[in-house]
Structure formats: structure tokens, C-alpha cells
Amino acid sequence: MIVKEWFTVEEAAEYLCVSKRSIYKLTKEGRLPAFRIGRERHRRFRKEDLDKVPRLGEETRNLEGLLKVTAKADPVLAEIWDNEKDAAYDRV
């Protein structure tokens, strides 16, 4: 079995289960290194770089340990949030 080491934009998008537009965005943001090859400067991506990009849902799992901010946990917030101006939002 041959392990694929280099991916085109389309292949990278399929591998990460995202759109080609997302691949371009990740590249522009510097979160995914791209290598330009040939006269037409086509982009190629290494498998090891693709494997470092967080998959859908992984970024949110890393936030689970953050403290939840609630009015019960912070009396100052309770005082700020408990007023007549935002009473309409209390019912939502």
C-alpha cells in the first residue's frame, strides 16, 4: 500500500472534509503551509501538515475546561445583569 505524502487543493479539502475555499483560507491565515510548484505555481500540501490542522469539533473540545461565566458564579455580574433594561432578554 502506498501512502500519499503530497495533496492537491482538492485532495486536501477532501482529506480534511472541508471546502476548497476553507483550504485557501487556512493557507492565507498561515495555519496550513502550502508549497507552490511548476510554472503555474499550483499549491501542494504535505500530509503531515494536513494532519496538524484541527478537525471539525476539535477546537471546541479544547474549550471545555474554560470556566463558565454565570451570574450565580459572580455576584458583580449578577448585579449588572439583573436590571430592568435587559428584562426582555431574561425571558429568552
C-alpha atoms as a PDB file:
ATOM      1  CA  MET A   1       0.000   0.000   0.000  1.00  0.00           C
ATOM      2  CA  ILE A   2       1.367   3.408  -0.994  1.00  0.00           C
ATOM      3  CA  VAL A   3       0.924   6.238   1.492  1.00  0.00           C
ATOM      4  CA  LYS A   4       0.150   9.546  -0.155  1.00  0.00           C
ATOM      5  CA  GLU A   5       2.511  12.303   1.049  1.00  0.00           C
ATOM      6  CA  TRP A   6       1.509  15.276  -1.164  1.00  0.00           C
ATOM      7  CA  PHE A   7      -2.012  16.563  -1.819  1.00  0.00           C
ATOM      8  CA  THR A   8      -3.579  18.995  -4.290  1.00  0.00           C
ATOM      9  CA  VAL A   9      -6.076  21.616  -3.071  1.00  0.00           C
ATOM     10  CA  GLU A  10      -8.968  19.322  -3.992  1.00  0.00           C
ATOM     11  CA  GLU A  11      -7.393  16.301  -2.322  1.00  0.00           C
ATOM     12  CA  ALA A  12      -6.542  18.308   0.807  1.00  0.00           C
ATOM     13  CA  ALA A  13     -10.124  19.554   1.041  1.00  0.00           C
ATOM     14  CA  GLU A  14     -11.444  16.013   0.715  1.00  0.00           C
ATOM     15  CA  TYR A  15      -8.924  14.695   3.254  1.00  0.00           C
ATOM     16  CA  LEU A  16      -9.926  17.333   5.827  1.00  0.00           C
ATOM     17  CA  CYS A  17     -13.641  17.152   4.902  1.00  0.00           C
ATOM     18  CA  VAL A  18     -13.789  20.878   4.169  1.00  0.00           C
ATOM     19  CA  SER A  19     -14.334  23.015   1.077  1.00  0.00           C
ATOM     20  CA  LYS A  20     -11.564  24.173  -1.240  1.00  0.00           C
ATOM     21  CA  ARG A  21     -12.361  27.686  -0.040  1.00  0.00           C
ATOM     22  CA  SER A  22     -11.515  26.612   3.519  1.00  0.00           C
ATOM     23  CA  ILE A  23      -8.158  25.272   2.312  1.00  0.00           C
ATOM     24  CA  TYR A  24      -7.359  28.620   0.696  1.00  0.00           C
ATOM     25  CA  LYS A  25      -8.429  30.430   3.888  1.00  0.00           C
ATOM     26  CA  LEU A  26      -6.270  28.204   6.106  1.00  0.00           C
ATOM     27  CA  THR A  27      -3.336  28.852   3.778  1.00  0.00           C
ATOM     28  CA  LYS A  28      -3.895  32.615   3.762  1.00  0.00           C
ATOM     29  CA  GLU A  29      -4.127  32.669   7.585  1.00  0.00           C
ATOM     30  CA  GLY A  30      -0.843  30.767   7.806  1.00  0.00           C
ATOM     31  CA  ARG A  31      -2.442  27.808   9.587  1.00  0.00           C
ATOM     32  CA  LEU A  32      -1.670  25.444   6.697  1.00  0.00           C
ATOM     33  CA  PRO A  33       1.638  25.683   4.831  1.00  0.00           C
ATOM     34  CA  ALA A  34       1.393  25.388   1.054  1.00  0.00           C
ATOM     35  CA  PHE A  35       4.167  24.664  -1.422  1.00  0.00           C
ATOM     36  CA  ARG A  36       3.983  26.185  -4.917  1.00  0.00           C
ATOM     37  CA  ILE A  37       5.231  24.039  -7.793  1.00  0.00           C
ATOM     38  CA  GLY A  38       5.630  24.336 -11.548  1.00  0.00           C
ATOM     39  CA  ARG A  39       5.237  27.289 -13.856  1.00  0.00           C
ATOM     40  CA  GLU A  40       1.603  27.675 -12.967  1.00  0.00           C
ATOM     41  CA  ARG A  41       2.513  27.668  -9.264  1.00  0.00           C
ATOM     42  CA  HIS A  42      -0.001  25.010  -8.215  1.00  0.00           C
ATOM     43  CA  ARG A  43      -0.345  24.505  -4.475  1.00  0.00           C
ATOM     44  CA  ARG A  44       0.654  21.239  -2.824  1.00  0.00           C
ATOM     45  CA  PHE A  45       0.233  20.243   0.801  1.00  0.00           C
ATOM     46  CA  ARG A  46       2.179  17.727   2.873  1.00  0.00           C
ATOM     47  CA  LYS A  47       0.203  15.062   4.695  1.00  0.00           C
ATOM     48  CA  GLU A  48       1.993  15.832   7.968  1.00  0.00           C
ATOM     49  CA  ASP A  49       0.853  19.484   7.726  1.00  0.00           C
ATOM     50  CA  LEU A  50      -2.725  18.445   6.959  1.00  0.00           C
ATOM     51  CA  ASP A  51      -2.713  16.161   9.994  1.00  0.00           C
ATOM     52  CA  LYS A  52      -1.838  19.136  12.228  1.00  0.00           C
ATOM     53  CA  VAL A  53      -4.934  21.122  11.210  1.00  0.00           C
ATOM     54  CA  PRO A  54      -7.677  20.714  13.850  1.00  0.00           C
ATOM     55  CA  ARG A  55     -10.604  18.674  12.589  1.00  0.00           C
ATOM     56  CA  LEU A  56     -14.195  19.838  12.906  1.00  0.00           C
ATOM     57  CA  GLY A  57     -15.140  19.852  16.586  1.00  0.00           C
ATOM     58  CA  GLU A  58     -11.599  19.511  17.949  1.00  0.00           C
ATOM     59  CA  GLU A  59     -11.232  23.241  18.568  1.00  0.00           C
ATOM     60  CA  THR A  60     -14.423  23.301  20.641  1.00  0.00           C
ATOM     61  CA  ARG A  61     -13.355  20.260  22.682  1.00  0.00           C
ATOM     62  CA  ASN A  62     -10.274  22.191  23.779  1.00  0.00           C
ATOM     63  CA  LEU A  63     -12.540  24.881  25.263  1.00  0.00           C
ATOM     64  CA  GLU A  64     -14.398  22.520  27.602  1.00  0.00           C
ATOM     65  CA  GLY A  65     -12.086  23.290  30.503  1.00  0.00           C
ATOM     66  CA  LEU A  66     -12.870  27.012  30.470  1.00  0.00           C
ATOM     67  CA  LEU A  67     -14.813  28.465  33.383  1.00  0.00           C
ATOM     68  CA  LYS A  68     -18.443  29.155  32.615  1.00  0.00           C
ATOM     69  CA  VAL A  69     -19.370  32.739  33.405  1.00  0.00           C
ATOM     70  CA  THR A  70     -22.716  32.899  35.141  1.00  0.00           C
ATOM     71  CA  ALA A  71     -24.487  35.354  37.363  1.00  0.00           C
ATOM     72  CA  LYS A  72     -24.545  32.737  40.128  1.00  0.00           C
ATOM     73  CA  ALA A  73     -20.761  32.337  39.989  1.00  0.00           C
ATOM     74  CA  ASP A  74     -20.028  36.079  40.044  1.00  0.00           C
ATOM     75  CA  PRO A  75     -22.093  38.454  42.219  1.00  0.00           C
ATOM     76  CA  VAL A  76     -20.839  41.509  40.292  1.00  0.00           C
ATOM     77  CA  LEU A  77     -22.187  40.063  37.053  1.00  0.00           C
ATOM     78  CA  ALA A  78     -25.430  39.174  38.805  1.00  0.00           C
ATOM     79  CA  GLU A  79     -25.897  42.822  39.763  1.00  0.00           C
ATOM     80  CA  ILE A  80     -25.071  44.049  36.260  1.00  0.00           C
ATOM     81  CA  TRP A  81     -27.286  41.512  34.531  1.00  0.00           C
ATOM     82  CA  ASP A  82     -30.212  41.898  36.901  1.00  0.00           C
ATOM     83  CA  ASN A  83     -31.751  45.156  35.797  1.00  0.00           C
ATOM     84  CA  GLU A  84     -34.929  46.400  34.151  1.00  0.00           C
ATOM     85  CA  LYS A  85     -33.271  47.282  30.826  1.00  0.00           C
ATOM     86  CA  ASP A  86     -32.487  43.675  29.951  1.00  0.00           C
ATOM     87  CA  ALA A  87     -35.600  42.100  31.465  1.00  0.00           C
ATOM     88  CA  ALA A  88     -36.818  41.208  27.963  1.00  0.00           C
ATOM     89  CA  TYR A  89     -33.736  39.041  27.457  1.00  0.00           C
ATOM     90  CA  ASP A  90     -34.355  37.147  30.687  1.00  0.00           C
ATOM     91  CA  ARG A  91     -37.402  35.546  29.062  1.00  0.00           C
ATOM     92  CA  VAL A  92     -35.479  34.255  26.040  1.00  0.00           C
END
